Protein backbone atom coordinates (compact mmCIF):
# COMPACT_ATOMS: atom_id res chain seq x y z
CA MET A 1 0.00 0.00 0.00
CA SER A 2 1.36 3.40 -0.96
CA LEU A 3 1.77 6.34 1.38
CA SER A 4 -1.07 8.17 -0.36
CA GLU A 5 -3.43 5.21 0.16
CA VAL A 6 -2.45 4.82 3.81
CA ILE A 7 -3.08 8.49 4.55
CA LYS A 8 -6.37 8.61 2.65
CA ASN A 9 -7.71 5.37 4.19
CA ARG A 10 -6.77 6.39 7.73
CA ARG A 11 -8.26 9.86 7.28
CA LYS A 12 -11.52 8.36 6.06
CA THR A 13 -11.55 5.80 8.91
CA LEU A 14 -11.30 8.68 11.38
CA ALA A 15 -13.96 10.65 9.45
CA ILE A 16 -11.66 13.66 9.04
CA SER A 17 -12.06 15.89 5.99
CA GLN A 18 -9.06 16.91 3.95
CA GLN A 19 -9.59 20.47 5.13
CA ASP A 20 -9.64 19.42 8.79
CA LEU A 21 -6.52 17.30 8.38
CA ALA A 22 -4.70 20.20 6.73
CA GLU A 23 -5.68 22.58 9.54
CA MET A 24 -4.80 20.14 12.33
CA ALA A 25 -1.43 19.32 10.74
CA GLY A 26 -0.67 22.96 9.99
CA ILE A 27 -0.15 22.40 6.27
CA GLY A 28 -1.96 23.52 3.13
CA LEU A 29 -5.08 21.84 1.79
CA ALA A 30 -3.45 21.59 -1.64
CA THR A 31 -0.61 19.58 -0.07
CA ILE A 32 -3.06 17.05 1.40
CA LYS A 33 -4.88 16.75 -1.91
CA ASP A 34 -1.62 16.25 -3.82
CA ILE A 35 -0.40 13.59 -1.40
CA GLU A 36 -3.68 11.66 -1.54
CA ARG A 37 -3.59 11.75 -5.35
CA GLY A 38 -0.04 10.41 -5.31
CA LYS A 39 1.31 13.68 -6.66
CA GLY A 40 3.85 15.99 -5.14
CA ASN A 41 6.88 15.16 -3.07
CA PRO A 42 6.17 15.89 0.61
CA SER A 43 9.06 16.34 3.01
CA MET A 44 9.49 13.97 5.95
CA ALA A 45 8.47 16.85 8.21
CA THR A 46 5.17 17.20 6.36
CA VAL A 47 4.50 13.46 6.41
CA SER A 48 5.37 13.37 10.11
CA LYS A 49 2.84 16.14 10.88
CA ILE A 50 0.12 14.27 9.00
CA MET A 51 0.92 10.97 10.68
CA GLU A 52 0.84 12.62 14.11
CA VAL A 53 -2.69 13.91 13.49
CA LEU A 54 -3.78 10.51 12.18
CA GLY A 55 -2.37 8.72 15.24
CA MET A 56 0.25 6.87 13.23
CA GLU A 57 4.01 6.62 13.32
CA ILE A 58 6.71 6.13 10.74
CA GLU A 59 9.06 3.22 11.30
CA PHE A 60 12.40 2.88 9.55
CA LYS A 61 13.92 -0.55 9.09
CA VAL A 62 16.94 -1.88 7.28
CA ARG A 63 15.76 -3.89 4.32
CA GLN A 64 16.53 -7.59 4.54
CA THR A 65 18.52 -9.04 1.67
CA VAL A 66 18.35 -12.55 0.34
């Protein structure tokens, strides 16, 4: 599942509008719309703000090789 799908699905699960998410995260509505459409290139800071509002966290792991 892509980042855009994760954000959109979680936002809908929480019944939060794009406008509300943008306001709560302190970012522009256009940024939310672009991210959910799979467009744009949000910074980690922007993604982190969105995830915080959505009650999620980002986890970094070293990829396992065969």
